[in-house]
Amino acid sequence: MSGPRAGIHGWGAYIPAYRLPMSEIARIWGWHPEQYKGLAVEEKAVAGPDEDSTTMGYEAARNAIARAQIKPSEIQSVFFGTESKPYAVKPSATIIAEALGITPYTMASDLEFACRAASEGMRALQGMVASGLIKYGLVIGSDTAQANPGDVLEFTAASGAAAFVIGPERGSAAIIEDSVTFVTDTPDFWRRAQEPYPLHGEGFTGEPAYFYHIENAVKALFERTGLRPNDFKYAIFHQPNGKFPVKVGTDLGFTMDQLKEGLVTPMIGNTYNASALLGLAKVLDKAKPGDRILLAPFGSGAGSDAYSIVVTDSIEERKALAPTVEQYLARKVVIDYGFYSKSRGIIFTIK
């Protein structure tokens, strides 16, 4: 049994240049290295004073459309997944669609499901394309992740974006051959209205949330398709830190050789809705025709998707049409906590 199939025609990434070292956060709040080194993160990407989830999403989407080699007006649906949008009531999807020349004849919506919202959009576009409702759709995952100053979450909460043009199988760079979703009501991470920062269930976010949902989604995909870990060249999981994706991958039977190319969090932190999708973009930058990719995003609250994606011969002609994830990773400016806190609005200037 298989589900609706669709193609990935273009992929794009955006990572801000600013990087805040973990040691700088620890210096300010008095953390000892032993208290945070288990996160397996070196530094995190920080959006600049003039950047937010919408501007970053625009950059990633522009790169994805460049690789797709289609006119923006051919895109009939735009989904924007984030948990840090700049407006409480005002869609970012329409801002990006307008800036890219996609409007006015297109569906456009902002989606919410913690870090899984963009993956939710990808699954929706997969069905919409397969049904013939649309020919091309654009999904964007973008976050300027927020954390209470001094909380352990601040060490990893980072900024970044990824985007994908989803369309028919024919002419695509990769084919989504099947997917499965597994969700439950598991309150491991939340933010009430009017609260500036999210709260989390500490260790509760691991076993009953992250690992339980990803493992069940992937196992369901295996059962549905008959595929096994050795059928995949690459495996990419949601990356709240550098430790969790490695553990869940090896627990499911994948090797470090399959996991390492999709890891981005150790270098830039947890970019929430862009986390697993930046991993996918990084892999597509290098993948060869015939490679099969496992993708398993996760969102607190909680749920996970599992995708089986097969690379086609068309991928090679798309790679050089936009900046790669590695190029964004190499472009960095190290900052201190003062710049970070002012840039992200943690401290305010009284006028």
Protein backbone atom coordinates (compact mmCIF):
# COMPACT_ATOMS: atom_id res chain seq x y z
CA MET A 1 0.00 0.00 0.00
CA SER A 2 1.31 3.48 -0.85
CA GLY A 3 0.04 7.00 -0.44
CA PRO A 4 -0.08 9.96 -2.82
CA ARG A 5 3.18 10.65 -4.64
CA ALA A 6 4.59 14.04 -5.57
CA GLY A 7 7.90 15.56 -6.64
CA ILE A 8 10.32 18.02 -5.08
CA HIS A 9 11.19 20.42 -7.91
CA GLY A 10 13.22 22.95 -5.97
CA TRP A 11 14.77 23.33 -2.54
CA GLY A 12 16.27 26.34 -0.82
CA ALA A 13 17.84 27.35 2.47
CA TYR A 14 18.70 30.48 4.40
CA ILE A 15 20.88 30.73 7.52
CA PRO A 16 21.73 34.12 9.10
CA ALA A 17 25.40 35.05 9.23
CA TYR A 18 25.48 35.81 12.97
CA ARG A 19 26.67 33.01 15.31
CA LEU A 20 26.55 32.97 19.11
CA PRO A 21 28.91 30.44 20.77
CA MET A 22 27.52 28.22 23.54
CA SER A 23 30.41 29.34 25.75
CA GLU A 24 29.19 32.95 25.52
CA ILE A 25 25.72 32.03 26.81
CA ALA A 26 27.32 30.01 29.61
CA ARG A 27 29.58 32.95 30.52
CA ILE A 28 26.61 35.27 31.01
CA TRP A 29 24.44 32.89 33.02
CA GLY A 30 27.11 31.02 34.97
CA TRP A 31 26.69 27.60 33.39
CA HIS A 32 29.56 25.14 33.65
CA PRO A 33 30.55 23.40 30.37
CA GLU A 34 29.52 20.05 31.86
CA GLN A 35 25.95 21.34 32.13
CA TYR A 36 25.47 21.97 28.42
CA LYS A 37 28.05 19.95 26.48
CA GLY A 38 25.60 17.03 26.30
CA LEU A 39 23.52 19.11 23.88
CA ALA A 40 26.25 18.52 21.28
CA VAL A 41 25.89 22.04 19.82
CA GLU A 42 28.85 24.34 19.12
CA GLU A 43 27.11 27.64 18.37
CA LYS A 44 23.77 28.89 17.13
CA ALA A 45 22.63 31.04 14.21
CA VAL A 46 21.01 34.32 15.24
CA ALA A 47 18.77 36.48 13.05
CA GLY A 48 20.00 40.04 12.64
CA PRO A 49 18.13 43.17 13.78
CA ASP A 50 16.51 43.47 10.34
CA GLU A 51 15.57 39.79 9.99
CA ASP A 52 12.56 37.78 11.10
CA SER A 53 10.93 34.48 10.14
CA THR A 54 9.22 36.11 7.14
CA THR A 55 12.35 37.69 5.64
CA MET A 56 14.30 34.46 6.12
CA GLY A 57 11.44 32.46 4.63
CA TYR A 58 11.43 34.74 1.60
CA GLU A 59 15.15 34.12 0.99
CA ALA A 60 14.76 30.34 1.26
CA ALA A 61 11.68 30.37 -0.98
CA ARG A 62 13.46 32.46 -3.62
CA ASN A 63 16.25 29.87 -3.70
CA ALA A 64 13.76 27.01 -3.98
CA ILE A 65 11.95 28.64 -6.91
CA ALA A 66 15.27 29.31 -8.66
CA ARG A 67 16.07 25.60 -8.49
CA ALA A 68 12.56 24.59 -9.55
CA GLN A 69 12.96 26.63 -12.75
CA ILE A 70 9.30 27.63 -12.86
CA LYS A 71 7.52 30.98 -12.93
CA PRO A 72 6.32 32.13 -9.49
CA SER A 73 2.84 32.59 -10.99
CA GLU A 74 2.67 28.81 -11.53
CA ILE A 75 2.63 28.25 -7.76
CA GLN A 76 -0.98 27.76 -6.65
CA SER A 77 -0.54 27.26 -2.92
CA VAL A 78 1.85 28.65 -0.27
CA PHE A 79 2.14 27.18 3.23
CA PHE A 80 4.28 28.90 5.86
CA GLY A 81 5.18 26.91 9.00
CA THR A 82 6.56 28.76 12.02
CA GLU A 83 6.14 29.30 15.74
CA SER A 84 7.76 32.75 15.71
CA LYS A 85 5.88 34.74 13.08
CA PRO A 86 6.21 38.54 13.29
CA TYR A 87 2.44 39.18 13.46
CA ALA A 88 0.04 37.55 15.90
CA VAL A 89 -2.79 38.16 13.42
CA LYS A 90 -1.51 38.62 9.86
CA PRO A 91 -0.38 35.82 7.55
CA SER A 92 3.27 35.67 6.59
CA ALA A 93 2.38 33.40 3.66
CA THR A 94 0.73 36.32 1.85
CA ILE A 95 3.71 38.62 2.46
CA ILE A 96 6.10 36.12 0.92
CA ALA A 97 3.73 35.24 -1.91
CA GLU A 98 3.32 38.92 -2.81
CA ALA A 99 7.08 39.60 -2.66
CA LEU A 100 7.82 36.65 -4.93
CA GLY A 101 5.14 37.47 -7.52
CA ILE A 102 2.93 34.46 -6.70
CA THR A 103 -0.27 36.39 -5.89
CA PRO A 104 -3.15 36.87 -6.44
CA TYR A 105 -4.50 33.51 -7.69
CA THR A 106 -3.08 31.22 -5.02
CA MET A 107 -4.06 29.66 -1.73
CA ALA A 108 -1.95 30.94 1.17
CA SER A 109 -1.93 29.94 4.84
CA ASP A 110 0.24 30.04 7.93
CA LEU A 111 0.33 26.69 9.73
CA GLU A 112 1.00 25.81 13.36
CA PHE A 113 2.21 22.57 14.94
CA ALA A 114 5.33 23.59 16.84
CA CYS A 115 8.38 22.43 14.83
CA ARG A 116 6.25 20.20 12.56
CA ALA A 117 4.10 22.92 10.95
CA ALA A 118 6.13 23.11 7.71
CA SER A 119 6.16 19.32 7.43
CA GLU A 120 2.38 19.45 7.85
CA GLY A 121 2.34 21.78 4.85
CA MET A 122 4.53 19.44 2.83
CA ARG A 123 2.16 16.55 3.48
CA ALA A 124 -0.81 18.70 2.48
CA LEU A 125 0.89 19.77 -0.77
CA GLN A 126 1.78 16.17 -1.49
CA GLY A 127 -1.93 15.29 -1.47
CA MET A 128 -3.00 18.43 -3.33
CA VAL A 129 -0.54 17.78 -6.16
CA ALA A 130 -1.34 14.06 -6.38
CA SER A 131 -5.09 14.81 -6.54
CA GLY A 132 -4.65 17.31 -9.35
CA LEU A 133 -6.00 20.23 -7.29
CA ILE A 134 -2.78 22.17 -7.96
CA LYS A 135 0.29 21.71 -10.13
CA TYR A 136 2.89 23.41 -7.92
CA GLY A 137 2.92 24.42 -4.28
CA LEU A 138 5.48 26.11 -2.02
CA VAL A 139 6.14 25.13 1.59
CA ILE A 140 8.38 27.17 3.90
CA GLY A 141 9.68 26.40 7.38
CA SER A 142 11.21 29.39 9.15
CA ASP A 143 11.85 30.38 12.75
CA THR A 144 13.69 32.90 14.90
CA ALA A 145 13.44 30.49 17.78
CA GLN A 146 12.75 32.01 21.15
CA ALA A 147 13.85 30.99 24.64
CA ASN A 148 13.67 32.39 28.14
CA PRO A 149 17.07 34.02 28.86
CA GLY A 150 19.18 31.72 31.02
CA ASP A 151 17.04 28.65 30.31
CA VAL A 152 18.68 25.55 28.84
CA LEU A 153 16.58 26.11 25.71
CA GLU A 154 18.51 29.31 25.03
CA PHE A 155 21.63 27.29 24.21
CA THR A 156 20.01 25.76 21.12
CA ALA A 157 17.09 28.03 20.04
CA ALA A 158 18.32 29.37 16.70
CA SER A 159 17.25 31.02 13.44
CA GLY A 160 17.00 29.67 9.89
CA ALA A 161 14.68 28.77 7.03
CA ALA A 162 14.14 26.11 4.38
CA ALA A 163 11.68 25.94 1.47
CA PHE A 164 10.54 23.43 -1.15
CA VAL A 165 8.56 23.59 -4.38
CA ILE A 166 6.30 20.54 -4.57
CA GLY A 167 4.85 19.47 -7.91
CA PRO A 168 4.25 16.49 -10.21
CA GLU A 169 6.63 13.55 -10.29
CA ARG A 170 7.60 14.24 -13.89
CA GLY A 171 10.63 16.53 -14.12
CA SER A 172 11.21 16.63 -10.37
CA ALA A 173 14.59 16.50 -8.61
CA ALA A 174 13.29 13.97 -6.09
CA ILE A 175 10.07 12.00 -5.60
CA ILE A 176 8.16 11.69 -2.33
CA GLU A 177 7.18 8.04 -2.78
CA ASP A 178 5.30 7.65 0.51
CA SER A 179 4.71 9.24 3.91
CA VAL A 180 3.09 8.52 7.27
CA THR A 181 2.00 10.72 10.20
CA PHE A 182 1.81 9.76 13.88
CA VAL A 183 0.30 12.22 16.42
CA THR A 184 -0.96 12.23 20.02
CA ASP A 185 -1.78 14.86 22.64
CA THR A 186 1.55 14.98 24.50
CA PRO A 187 2.15 18.38 26.20
CA ASP A 188 5.95 18.44 26.21
CA PHE A 189 6.35 22.05 24.99
CA TRP A 190 3.88 24.93 25.01
CA ARG A 191 3.34 28.68 25.26
CA ARG A 192 0.17 30.30 26.55
CA ALA A 193 -1.22 33.50 25.06
CA GLN A 194 0.63 36.63 26.27
CA GLU A 195 3.64 34.60 27.45
CA PRO A 196 6.85 35.81 25.75
CA TYR A 197 8.70 32.49 25.88
CA PRO A 198 7.73 28.83 25.57
CA LEU A 199 7.86 26.36 28.46
CA HIS A 200 9.00 22.77 28.21
CA GLY A 201 8.76 19.54 30.13
CA GLU A 202 12.52 19.07 30.56
CA GLY A 203 13.26 15.31 30.22
CA PHE A 204 9.61 14.69 29.33
CA THR A 205 10.37 16.08 25.87
CA GLY A 206 12.54 13.05 25.13
CA GLU A 207 11.07 9.58 25.64
CA PRO A 208 7.28 10.19 25.61
CA ALA A 209 7.45 12.94 22.98
CA TYR A 210 10.37 13.09 20.55
CA PHE A 211 11.49 9.44 20.52
CA TYR A 212 8.04 7.85 20.83
CA HIS A 213 6.53 9.79 17.94
CA ILE A 214 9.45 9.62 15.52
CA GLU A 215 10.03 5.92 16.12
CA ASN A 216 6.36 5.07 15.58
CA ALA A 217 6.10 7.18 12.43
CA VAL A 218 9.22 5.59 10.91
CA LYS A 219 8.20 2.06 11.88
CA ALA A 220 4.78 2.65 10.32
CA LEU A 221 6.49 3.81 7.12
CA PHE A 222 8.63 0.67 7.11
CA GLU A 223 5.57 -1.53 7.59
CA ARG A 224 3.65 0.30 4.88
CA THR A 225 6.42 0.23 2.27
CA GLY A 226 8.47 -2.85 3.18
CA LEU A 227 11.58 -0.64 3.31
CA ARG A 228 14.31 -1.05 5.92
CA PRO A 229 17.19 1.17 7.12
CA ASN A 230 19.66 -0.32 4.64
CA ASP A 231 17.40 0.77 1.76
CA PHE A 232 18.27 4.43 2.51
CA LYS A 233 21.42 6.37 1.65
CA TYR A 234 20.55 9.17 4.10
CA ALA A 235 18.38 9.55 7.20
CA ILE A 236 17.32 12.95 8.59
CA PHE A 237 15.47 13.54 11.86
CA HIS A 238 14.26 16.62 13.72
CA GLN A 239 17.23 18.18 15.50
CA PRO A 240 16.35 19.90 18.79
CA ASN A 241 20.00 19.32 19.73
CA GLY A 242 22.91 17.34 18.33
CA LYS A 243 22.30 14.27 20.50
CA PHE A 244 18.63 13.31 19.90
CA PRO A 245 18.76 12.73 16.10
CA VAL A 246 21.78 10.46 16.45
CA LYS A 247 20.15 8.42 19.23
CA VAL A 248 16.80 7.99 17.47
CA GLY A 249 18.54 7.15 14.19
CA THR A 250 20.81 4.50 15.68
CA ASP A 251 17.92 3.08 17.75
CA LEU A 252 16.01 2.61 14.48
CA GLY A 253 18.95 0.82 12.87
CA PHE A 254 20.64 3.59 10.89
CA THR A 255 24.42 4.15 10.88
CA MET A 256 26.37 7.35 11.43
CA ASP A 257 27.30 7.32 7.74
CA GLN A 258 23.58 7.61 6.93
CA LEU A 259 22.99 10.29 9.57
CA LYS A 260 25.97 12.64 9.41
CA GLU A 261 25.23 14.48 6.13
CA GLY A 262 21.82 15.64 7.34
CA LEU A 263 23.02 17.03 10.67
CA VAL A 264 22.98 20.85 10.87
CA THR A 265 22.07 21.55 14.49
CA PRO A 266 25.58 20.96 15.93
CA MET A 267 26.75 23.93 13.82
CA ILE A 268 23.78 26.33 14.00
CA GLY A 269 21.43 25.20 16.77
CA ASN A 270 17.77 24.18 16.63
CA THR A 271 16.01 26.17 13.90
CA TYR A 272 12.63 24.64 14.85
CA ASN A 273 10.48 24.44 11.69
CA ALA A 274 13.61 24.60 9.53
CA SER A 275 15.52 22.00 11.54
CA ALA A 276 14.86 18.72 9.68
CA LEU A 277 14.11 20.58 6.44
CA LEU A 278 17.54 22.25 6.44
CA GLY A 279 18.93 18.75 6.87
CA LEU A 280 16.98 17.66 3.78
CA ALA A 281 18.22 20.67 1.82
CA LYS A 282 21.81 19.89 2.85
CA VAL A 283 21.43 16.29 1.67
CA LEU A 284 19.81 17.30 -1.64
CA ASP A 285 22.78 19.62 -2.25
CA LYS A 286 24.96 16.47 -2.41
CA ALA A 287 22.65 13.56 -3.27
CA LYS A 288 23.00 11.50 -6.42
CA PRO A 289 20.30 10.02 -8.69
CA GLY A 290 18.85 6.87 -7.16
CA ASP A 291 19.66 7.80 -3.54
CA ARG A 292 16.77 7.18 -1.15
CA ILE A 293 16.31 9.59 1.79
CA LEU A 294 14.37 9.09 5.02
CA LEU A 295 13.00 12.33 6.48
CA ALA A 296 11.29 12.43 9.90
CA PRO A 297 10.39 15.88 11.29
CA PHE A 298 8.83 16.22 14.76
CA GLY A 299 6.67 18.80 16.46
CA SER A 300 5.95 19.12 20.17
CA GLY A 301 2.40 18.66 21.23
CA ALA A 302 3.12 16.13 19.63
CA GLY A 303 3.56 14.46 16.23
CA SER A 304 5.97 13.20 13.62
CA ASP A 305 5.92 12.57 9.87
CA ALA A 306 8.08 10.02 8.07
CA TYR A 307 8.86 10.35 4.36
CA SER A 308 10.59 8.13 1.84
CA ILE A 309 12.16 10.30 -0.89
CA VAL A 310 14.00 9.06 -3.99
CA VAL A 311 16.39 11.31 -5.93
CA THR A 312 16.01 11.50 -9.74
CA ASP A 313 18.36 12.24 -12.64
CA SER A 314 17.11 15.85 -12.75
CA ILE A 315 18.80 16.81 -9.48
CA GLU A 316 22.24 17.51 -10.93
CA GLU A 317 21.10 20.41 -13.13
CA ARG A 318 19.42 22.13 -10.14
CA LYS A 319 22.22 22.15 -7.57
CA ALA A 320 24.19 25.16 -8.81
CA LEU A 321 21.12 27.39 -9.25
CA ALA A 322 21.06 28.63 -5.63
CA PRO A 323 23.39 28.82 -2.60
CA THR A 324 23.97 25.54 -0.77
CA VAL A 325 23.53 24.93 2.95
CA GLU A 326 27.31 24.49 3.25
CA GLN A 327 27.82 27.95 1.76
CA TYR A 328 25.47 29.46 4.33
CA LEU A 329 27.22 27.55 7.11
CA ALA A 330 30.59 28.94 6.03
CA ARG A 331 29.31 32.53 5.98
CA LYS A 332 29.41 33.53 9.63
CA VAL A 333 30.14 36.42 11.98
CA VAL A 334 30.71 35.56 15.66
CA ILE A 335 28.82 37.84 18.06
CA ASP A 336 28.66 38.34 21.82
CA TYR A 337 25.64 38.10 24.13
CA GLY A 338 25.14 41.86 24.14
CA PHE A 339 24.65 42.02 20.38
CA TYR A 340 22.43 38.94 20.49
CA SER A 341 20.17 40.24 23.26
CA LYS A 342 19.70 43.62 21.62
CA SER A 343 19.22 42.13 18.15
CA ARG A 344 16.56 39.68 19.34
CA GLY A 345 14.71 42.14 21.58
CA ILE A 346 15.73 40.57 24.88
CA ILE A 347 16.74 44.04 26.08
CA PHE A 348 15.07 47.25 25.03
CA THR A 349 16.34 50.77 24.45
CA ILE A 350 14.28 53.42 26.28
CA LYS A 351 13.68 56.49 24.13
